[in-house]
Amino acid sequence: MDIGQVHQDLKLEELPFSAVFEQAPLALGVAAPQSDGELVLLTANRALRALLGKEDLGAGSLRPWLSESDYERLQSFLPAATLPATMEVTIAHAEEQINFNCQISAAALDGVGQSAYILTFEDISARKESEQRMIETVGIEQREDFIATLTHDLKTPIVGANMVLTALLDGTLGALSSQQTEIIGKLRTSNQALLKMIHNLLEVYKYESGPESLALEDVDLVGVIKFCAEDVKPLIENKTLSLRLNVPACKVEAVCDRYAIQRVLVNLLGNAIKFTPTGGEIIVSVDDGEDEVCLKVTDTGSGVNPRDQHRLFQRFWQGEPGRRYAAGTGLGLYFCRHVVRAHGGSITCESMPGAGSTFRVQLPKVPPVEGFGESDLL
């Protein structure tokens, strides 16, 4: 390519600078400091006028477009701009009454008889927002990594303490008085509740940190129900509740992750125990359908206000009863929703204040997927 010929054909030497300046896609301006210290924008091209939101922009101080601190920074910045240099400021848009982040690049103009600078303005709001999101994401990940490590470290001594308490209650370490048995029983119950919260924290962290494969196998859900009922037996006895299992004598089988479904059922039973007053009843049932099974946990507890039911499965959400009756993380039902949806199923709640609640878990007999992560909540 003959560059000289191209120059001649386009008549670049004859093209007026003012036309090039006005039509440039970059937001350009020429500024000069005045004897009174004001920094005046002598001229602005079409792109800069659009960026500032003022088409009839004439020569005038840059002060109205900047905060006082940014204006002072620019005043001291320009004399040093003998070479191209940049700084970031916040610009006030004239029409939309908004502020946006802007990067100003400056270079001194030579041979014009006075100190003057050509400035380019670039809206970097999108980039700054992206950087902020990245910082926040990293911060959240670091915080959740810390929480996961902390809760994992807490789990070991609590499990160890529970083993000692169980040995005491079993009489392995010697006979106890009735008063000692009662006190130690309450300690073990409190520890079990704490362990449940720690398990929820750890498992939610595990499932949100990346896709998690389900350990699928043929599972007898009647056996799962009986196992979970035995697991929460101390909590049931502590509140003098009645737990009734409405299950068939034969097996009810489904392909699922046994441990994950056990955790779902224990969470649902834990909530039912928490919100059911002394002397109340909890019923666990299973219905065997052609293509799916239905697990139900029904209680005679305080119930859930209809206006709050759509928030039951949200992360960290707890209704007034939850905050009033007992401590918790607000992650139990959120975790349940993760697991059930990973199996291709659904979890719902039917409840009225003062009339108890029924949580229904619908599971396909063969799940359509084998892994889950945060995307499954969308």
Protein backbone atom coordinates (compact mmCIF):
# COMPACT_ATOMS: atom_id res chain seq x y z
CA MET A 1 0.00 0.00 0.00
CA ASP A 2 1.31 3.44 -0.97
CA ILE A 3 0.65 5.52 2.17
CA GLY A 4 1.58 8.73 0.34
CA GLN A 5 -0.99 8.05 -2.36
CA VAL A 6 -3.67 7.36 0.26
CA HIS A 7 -2.87 10.70 1.95
CA GLN A 8 -3.13 12.44 -1.40
CA ASP A 9 -6.42 10.77 -2.33
CA LEU A 10 -8.04 11.57 1.03
CA LYS A 11 -6.52 15.07 1.09
CA LEU A 12 -5.70 14.54 4.78
CA GLU A 13 -3.35 17.52 4.80
CA GLU A 14 -6.24 19.78 3.72
CA LEU A 15 -8.79 18.37 6.19
CA PRO A 16 -9.58 21.09 8.74
CA PHE A 17 -8.57 20.24 12.29
CA SER A 18 -11.88 21.60 13.58
CA ALA A 19 -13.81 19.01 11.52
CA VAL A 20 -11.62 16.17 12.76
CA PHE A 21 -11.98 17.39 16.35
CA GLU A 22 -15.78 17.82 16.13
CA GLN A 23 -16.53 14.46 14.51
CA ALA A 24 -14.07 12.33 16.49
CA PRO A 25 -15.75 9.37 18.27
CA LEU A 26 -13.73 10.12 21.39
CA ALA A 27 -15.04 12.71 23.85
CA LEU A 28 -12.51 15.53 23.42
CA GLY A 29 -12.10 18.96 24.96
CA VAL A 30 -9.52 21.70 25.26
CA ALA A 31 -9.02 23.28 28.68
CA ALA A 32 -6.83 26.12 29.91
CA PRO A 33 -6.15 27.54 33.41
CA GLN A 34 -7.05 31.23 33.84
CA SER A 35 -5.29 33.94 35.82
CA ASP A 36 -7.95 33.69 38.55
CA GLY A 37 -7.24 29.98 38.97
CA GLU A 38 -10.37 28.75 37.21
CA LEU A 39 -9.93 25.87 34.81
CA VAL A 40 -11.96 26.70 31.71
CA LEU A 41 -13.15 24.26 29.08
CA LEU A 42 -12.56 26.27 25.94
CA THR A 43 -14.23 23.90 23.52
CA ALA A 44 -15.84 20.46 23.48
CA ASN A 45 -16.60 18.17 20.57
CA ARG A 46 -19.88 16.45 19.83
CA ALA A 47 -18.99 13.24 21.75
CA LEU A 48 -18.05 15.20 24.89
CA ARG A 49 -21.22 17.30 24.77
CA ALA A 50 -23.26 14.10 24.57
CA LEU A 51 -21.33 12.58 27.46
CA LEU A 52 -21.94 15.63 29.64
CA GLY A 53 -25.58 15.87 28.55
CA LYS A 54 -25.44 19.46 27.34
CA GLU A 55 -25.52 20.17 23.61
CA ASP A 56 -25.12 23.96 23.86
CA LEU A 57 -22.02 23.68 26.02
CA GLY A 58 -19.95 26.83 25.63
CA ALA A 59 -16.68 27.93 27.12
CA GLY A 60 -16.85 27.85 30.89
CA SER A 61 -15.37 26.54 34.08
CA LEU A 62 -15.14 22.80 34.59
CA ARG A 63 -16.13 23.31 38.24
CA PRO A 64 -19.89 22.57 37.77
CA TRP A 65 -19.16 19.12 36.35
CA LEU A 66 -16.90 17.94 39.15
CA SER A 67 -16.93 17.63 42.90
CA GLU A 68 -14.81 20.20 44.71
CA SER A 69 -12.12 17.66 45.55
CA ASP A 70 -11.98 16.31 41.96
CA TYR A 71 -11.83 19.85 40.58
CA GLU A 72 -8.87 20.69 42.83
CA ARG A 73 -7.16 17.44 41.88
CA LEU A 74 -7.57 18.26 38.18
CA GLN A 75 -6.18 21.77 38.69
CA SER A 76 -3.00 20.38 40.23
CA PHE A 77 -2.89 17.43 37.82
CA LEU A 78 -2.83 19.34 34.54
CA PRO A 79 0.43 21.29 34.99
CA ALA A 80 2.20 17.95 35.40
CA ALA A 81 0.65 16.57 32.22
CA THR A 82 3.59 17.34 29.95
CA LEU A 83 3.22 13.73 28.85
CA PRO A 84 -0.12 11.95 28.41
CA ALA A 85 -1.48 11.10 31.88
CA THR A 86 -4.81 9.97 33.29
CA MET A 87 -6.94 10.43 36.39
CA GLU A 88 -10.37 9.24 37.48
CA VAL A 89 -13.13 11.62 38.52
CA THR A 90 -16.89 11.65 39.02
CA ILE A 91 -18.86 13.65 36.46
CA ALA A 92 -22.29 15.15 37.10
CA HIS A 93 -24.54 14.60 34.05
CA ALA A 94 -26.44 17.79 33.18
CA GLU A 95 -29.78 16.35 32.08
CA GLU A 96 -30.19 13.01 33.85
CA GLN A 97 -29.14 14.29 37.28
CA ILE A 98 -26.79 11.35 37.78
CA ASN A 99 -23.11 10.97 38.53
CA PHE A 100 -20.87 8.60 36.61
CA ASN A 101 -17.26 7.56 36.80
CA CYS A 102 -15.02 9.11 34.18
CA GLN A 103 -11.37 8.76 33.24
CA ILE A 104 -9.72 11.94 32.00
CA SER A 105 -6.56 11.71 29.94
CA ALA A 106 -4.59 14.91 29.42
CA ALA A 107 -1.69 16.10 27.29
CA ALA A 108 -0.21 19.59 27.00
CA LEU A 109 -0.80 21.49 23.74
CA ASP A 110 2.38 23.07 22.41
CA GLY A 111 2.68 26.18 20.27
CA VAL A 112 -0.67 27.77 21.11
CA GLY A 113 0.68 30.80 22.99
CA GLN A 114 -0.70 29.84 26.44
CA SER A 115 -1.00 26.87 28.74
CA ALA A 116 -3.63 24.59 27.30
CA TYR A 117 -4.41 20.91 27.42
CA ILE A 118 -6.32 18.53 25.25
CA LEU A 119 -8.47 16.23 27.34
CA THR A 120 -10.19 12.97 26.53
CA PHE A 121 -13.13 11.82 28.67
CA GLU A 122 -14.14 8.16 28.96
CA ASP A 123 -17.17 6.85 30.84
CA ILE A 124 -15.79 3.98 32.95
CA SER A 125 -18.89 3.38 35.08
CA ALA A 126 -19.44 -0.12 33.68
CA ARG A 127 -15.83 -1.05 34.34
CA LYS A 128 -15.93 0.31 37.90
CA GLU A 129 -19.15 -1.59 38.62
CA SER A 130 -17.57 -4.77 37.28
CA GLU A 131 -14.50 -4.24 39.47
CA GLN A 132 -16.71 -3.64 42.50
CA ARG A 133 -18.70 -6.79 41.83
CA MET A 134 -15.46 -8.72 41.54
CA ILE A 135 -14.21 -7.31 44.85
CA GLU A 136 -17.51 -8.12 46.55
CA THR A 137 -17.54 -11.63 45.07
CA VAL A 138 -14.02 -12.30 46.28
CA GLY A 139 -14.95 -10.88 49.68
CA ILE A 140 -18.03 -13.10 49.91
CA GLU A 141 -16.05 -16.17 48.85
CA GLN A 142 -13.34 -15.44 51.41
CA ARG A 143 -15.93 -14.89 54.13
CA GLU A 144 -17.78 -18.09 53.28
CA ASP A 145 -14.50 -20.04 53.12
CA PHE A 146 -13.74 -18.74 56.60
CA ILE A 147 -17.20 -19.72 57.87
CA ALA A 148 -16.90 -23.19 56.36
CA THR A 149 -13.47 -23.71 57.97
CA LEU A 150 -14.68 -22.40 61.32
CA THR A 151 -17.83 -24.53 61.39
CA HIS A 152 -15.85 -27.61 60.37
CA ASP A 153 -13.43 -27.00 63.25
CA LEU A 154 -16.34 -26.51 65.65
CA LYS A 155 -17.95 -29.78 64.61
CA THR A 156 -15.18 -32.04 65.95
CA PRO A 157 -15.23 -30.96 69.63
CA ILE A 158 -19.05 -30.99 69.68
CA VAL A 159 -19.16 -34.55 68.32
CA GLY A 160 -16.57 -35.53 70.93
CA ALA A 161 -18.59 -33.92 73.72
CA ASN A 162 -21.71 -35.75 72.54
CA MET A 163 -19.90 -39.07 72.72
CA VAL A 164 -18.95 -38.39 76.34
CA LEU A 165 -22.50 -37.28 77.21
CA THR A 166 -23.92 -40.42 75.59
CA ALA A 167 -21.50 -42.60 77.57
CA LEU A 168 -22.62 -40.89 80.76
CA LEU A 169 -26.30 -41.41 79.95
CA ASP A 170 -25.73 -45.05 79.04
CA GLY A 171 -24.10 -45.68 82.42
CA THR A 172 -20.78 -46.64 80.82
CA LEU A 173 -18.92 -44.26 83.12
CA GLY A 174 -20.98 -45.04 86.20
CA ALA A 175 -24.46 -44.58 87.60
CA LEU A 176 -26.11 -41.14 87.60
CA SER A 177 -28.82 -39.69 89.74
CA SER A 178 -32.12 -38.78 88.10
CA GLN A 179 -31.25 -35.09 88.34
CA GLN A 180 -27.84 -35.66 86.70
CA THR A 181 -29.46 -37.73 83.95
CA GLU A 182 -31.95 -34.96 83.22
CA ILE A 183 -29.29 -32.24 83.06
CA ILE A 184 -26.93 -34.28 80.85
CA GLY A 185 -29.85 -35.25 78.61
CA LYS A 186 -30.63 -31.58 78.06
CA LEU A 187 -26.96 -30.86 77.30
CA ARG A 188 -26.91 -33.61 74.68
CA THR A 189 -30.14 -32.29 73.14
CA SER A 190 -28.63 -28.79 72.89
CA ASN A 191 -25.49 -30.24 71.31
CA GLN A 192 -27.55 -32.12 68.75
CA ALA A 193 -29.36 -28.93 67.78
CA LEU A 194 -26.00 -27.15 67.42
CA LEU A 195 -24.65 -29.99 65.29
CA LYS A 196 -27.69 -29.70 63.03
CA MET A 197 -26.94 -26.02 62.43
CA ILE A 198 -23.27 -26.77 61.72
CA HIS A 199 -24.22 -29.54 59.27
CA ASN A 200 -26.54 -27.14 57.45
CA LEU A 201 -23.82 -24.49 57.17
CA LEU A 202 -21.28 -27.00 55.88
CA GLU A 203 -23.60 -28.65 53.40
CA VAL A 204 -25.01 -25.42 51.97
CA TYR A 205 -21.45 -24.18 51.52
CA LYS A 206 -20.51 -27.45 49.81
CA TYR A 207 -23.43 -27.35 47.41
CA GLU A 208 -23.02 -23.65 46.56
CA SER A 209 -19.26 -23.86 45.97
CA GLY A 210 -19.81 -26.01 42.86
CA PRO A 211 -21.89 -28.77 41.29
CA GLU A 212 -22.22 -31.74 43.61
CA SER A 213 -22.91 -35.27 42.36
CA LEU A 214 -25.69 -37.21 43.98
CA ALA A 215 -24.78 -40.64 45.35
CA LEU A 216 -27.77 -42.34 43.77
CA GLU A 217 -28.94 -45.79 44.88
CA ASP A 218 -32.14 -47.74 45.43
CA VAL A 219 -33.45 -46.53 48.78
CA ASP A 220 -36.31 -47.77 50.94
CA LEU A 221 -37.93 -44.53 52.12
CA VAL A 222 -39.82 -46.34 54.87
CA GLY A 223 -36.44 -47.28 56.33
CA VAL A 224 -35.25 -43.69 55.95
CA ILE A 225 -38.29 -42.40 57.84
CA LYS A 226 -37.74 -44.86 60.69
CA PHE A 227 -34.03 -43.96 60.87
CA CYS A 228 -34.80 -40.22 61.05
CA ALA A 229 -37.52 -40.78 63.65
CA GLU A 230 -34.98 -42.55 65.87
CA ASP A 231 -32.48 -39.74 65.29
CA VAL A 232 -34.85 -37.04 66.61
CA LYS A 233 -36.27 -39.23 69.40
CA PRO A 234 -34.41 -37.33 72.20
CA LEU A 235 -35.85 -34.02 70.93
CA ILE A 236 -39.36 -35.52 70.78
CA GLU A 237 -39.09 -36.86 74.33
CA ASN A 238 -37.65 -33.61 75.64
CA LYS A 239 -40.81 -31.72 74.54
CA THR A 240 -43.23 -34.54 75.36
CA LEU A 241 -44.47 -34.68 71.78
CA SER A 242 -46.19 -37.54 69.97
CA LEU A 243 -44.51 -38.77 66.78
CA ARG A 244 -46.66 -40.98 64.53
CA LEU A 245 -45.33 -42.78 61.48
CA ASN A 246 -48.00 -43.36 58.84
CA VAL A 247 -46.05 -45.75 56.63
CA PRO A 248 -46.88 -49.07 54.93
CA ALA A 249 -45.46 -52.38 56.10
CA CYS A 250 -43.85 -52.94 52.69
CA LYS A 251 -40.97 -51.01 51.15
CA VAL A 252 -41.45 -47.74 49.25
CA GLU A 253 -38.44 -47.46 46.95
CA ALA A 254 -36.95 -44.63 44.96
CA VAL A 255 -33.57 -43.91 43.38
CA CYS A 256 -32.08 -41.12 45.45
CA ASP A 257 -29.16 -39.97 47.60
CA ARG A 258 -29.92 -41.67 50.93
CA TYR A 259 -27.85 -39.30 53.08
CA ALA A 260 -29.20 -36.14 51.39
CA ILE A 261 -32.83 -37.25 51.77
CA GLN A 262 -32.20 -38.18 55.41
CA ARG A 263 -30.87 -34.66 55.99
CA VAL A 264 -34.00 -33.20 54.36
CA LEU A 265 -36.28 -35.25 56.57
CA VAL A 266 -34.31 -34.48 59.74
CA ASN A 267 -34.51 -30.77 58.92
CA LEU A 268 -38.27 -30.97 58.41
CA LEU A 269 -38.71 -32.94 61.63
CA GLY A 270 -36.50 -30.48 63.48
CA ASN A 271 -38.66 -27.57 62.34
CA ALA A 272 -41.83 -29.42 63.32
CA ILE A 273 -40.42 -30.13 66.78
CA LYS A 274 -39.29 -26.54 67.20
CA PHE A 275 -42.69 -25.03 66.40
CA THR A 276 -44.96 -27.62 68.00
CA PRO A 277 -45.84 -26.88 71.63
CA THR A 278 -45.52 -29.47 74.38
CA GLY A 279 -48.11 -32.24 74.02
CA GLY A 280 -48.54 -31.69 70.29
CA GLU A 281 -48.32 -34.26 67.51
CA ILE A 282 -46.12 -34.77 64.48
CA ILE A 283 -47.06 -37.17 61.68
CA VAL A 284 -44.67 -38.48 59.03
CA SER A 285 -46.16 -40.30 56.07
CA VAL A 286 -45.18 -41.59 52.64
CA ASP A 287 -47.41 -42.17 49.61
CA ASP A 288 -46.25 -44.48 46.84
CA GLY A 289 -47.31 -43.35 43.38
CA GLU A 290 -46.70 -44.79 39.94
CA ASP A 291 -43.84 -42.46 38.97
CA GLU A 292 -43.15 -40.57 42.18
CA VAL A 293 -43.30 -40.78 45.95
CA CYS A 294 -44.53 -38.16 48.40
CA LEU A 295 -43.04 -37.62 51.86
CA LYS A 296 -45.14 -35.52 54.25
CA VAL A 297 -44.33 -34.02 57.65
CA THR A 298 -47.37 -32.59 59.43
CA ASP A 299 -47.36 -30.84 62.80
CA THR A 300 -49.84 -29.18 65.15
CA GLY A 301 -47.57 -26.21 65.71
CA SER A 302 -47.82 -22.45 65.34
CA GLY A 303 -48.15 -22.45 61.54
CA VAL A 304 -46.86 -19.94 59.02
CA ASN A 305 -48.53 -16.69 57.99
CA PRO A 306 -49.65 -16.89 54.32
CA ARG A 307 -47.79 -13.67 53.49
CA ASP A 308 -44.51 -15.31 54.58
CA GLN A 309 -44.89 -18.71 52.93
CA HIS A 310 -43.25 -17.68 49.65
CA ARG A 311 -40.10 -16.79 51.61
CA LEU A 312 -39.81 -20.04 53.56
CA PHE A 313 -37.11 -21.52 51.33
CA GLN A 314 -35.00 -18.39 50.98
CA ARG A 315 -31.46 -18.28 52.29
CA PHE A 316 -31.16 -17.07 55.91
CA TRP A 317 -34.86 -16.17 56.14
CA GLN A 318 -36.61 -16.81 59.44
CA GLY A 319 -40.15 -15.81 60.34
CA GLU A 320 -41.16 -14.38 63.67
CA PRO A 321 -41.86 -17.83 65.17
CA GLY A 322 -38.39 -18.99 64.17
CA ARG A 323 -36.72 -16.08 65.89
CA ARG A 324 -38.96 -16.41 68.95
CA TYR A 325 -38.85 -20.15 69.62
CA ALA A 326 -35.22 -21.14 69.06
CA ALA A 327 -31.92 -20.18 67.52
CA GLY A 328 -31.14 -21.27 63.98
CA THR A 329 -29.23 -20.37 60.83
CA GLY A 330 -32.20 -19.95 58.48
CA LEU A 331 -30.53 -22.44 56.13
CA GLY A 332 -32.47 -25.65 56.85
CA LEU A 333 -35.33 -25.20 54.36
CA TYR A 334 -32.99 -23.52 51.87
CA PHE A 335 -30.83 -26.66 51.96
CA CYS A 336 -33.92 -28.88 51.64
CA ARG A 337 -34.92 -27.05 48.48
CA HIS A 338 -31.41 -27.57 47.04
CA VAL A 339 -31.55 -31.31 47.60
CA VAL A 340 -35.14 -31.89 46.47
CA ARG A 341 -34.72 -29.88 43.28
CA ALA A 342 -31.46 -31.74 42.58
CA HIS A 343 -33.53 -34.93 42.53
CA GLY A 344 -35.96 -33.34 40.06
CA GLY A 345 -38.61 -33.00 42.75
CA SER A 346 -40.43 -30.23 44.57
CA ILE A 347 -41.02 -29.14 48.15
CA THR A 348 -44.06 -27.15 49.27
CA CYS A 349 -45.72 -26.02 52.45
CA GLU A 350 -49.39 -25.78 53.40
CA SER A 351 -49.95 -23.86 56.61
CA MET A 352 -52.20 -21.52 58.54
CA PRO A 353 -51.34 -19.58 61.71
CA GLY A 354 -52.36 -21.63 64.75
CA ALA A 355 -53.36 -24.64 62.65
CA GLY A 356 -50.00 -26.28 62.06
CA SER A 357 -48.08 -26.98 58.86
CA THR A 358 -47.62 -29.74 56.31
CA PHE A 359 -44.42 -29.92 54.30
CA ARG A 360 -44.74 -32.08 51.20
CA VAL A 361 -41.71 -33.46 49.32
CA GLN A 362 -42.45 -34.90 45.86
CA LEU A 363 -39.65 -37.10 44.52
CA PRO A 364 -39.56 -38.90 41.18
CA LYS A 365 -38.75 -42.57 41.56
CA VAL A 366 -35.83 -42.02 39.17
CA PRO A 367 -34.33 -38.48 39.21
CA PRO A 368 -33.66 -36.89 35.81
CA VAL A 369 -30.30 -35.33 36.86
CA GLU A 370 -27.30 -36.44 38.87
CA GLY A 371 -25.80 -33.22 40.18
CA PHE A 372 -26.73 -29.90 41.56
CA GLY A 373 -25.32 -26.52 42.44
CA GLU A 374 -26.46 -22.94 42.82
CA SER A 375 -27.87 -22.89 39.27
CA ASP A 376 -30.57 -25.34 40.34
CA LEU A 377 -32.16 -22.56 42.42
CA LEU A 378 -32.82 -20.37 39.40
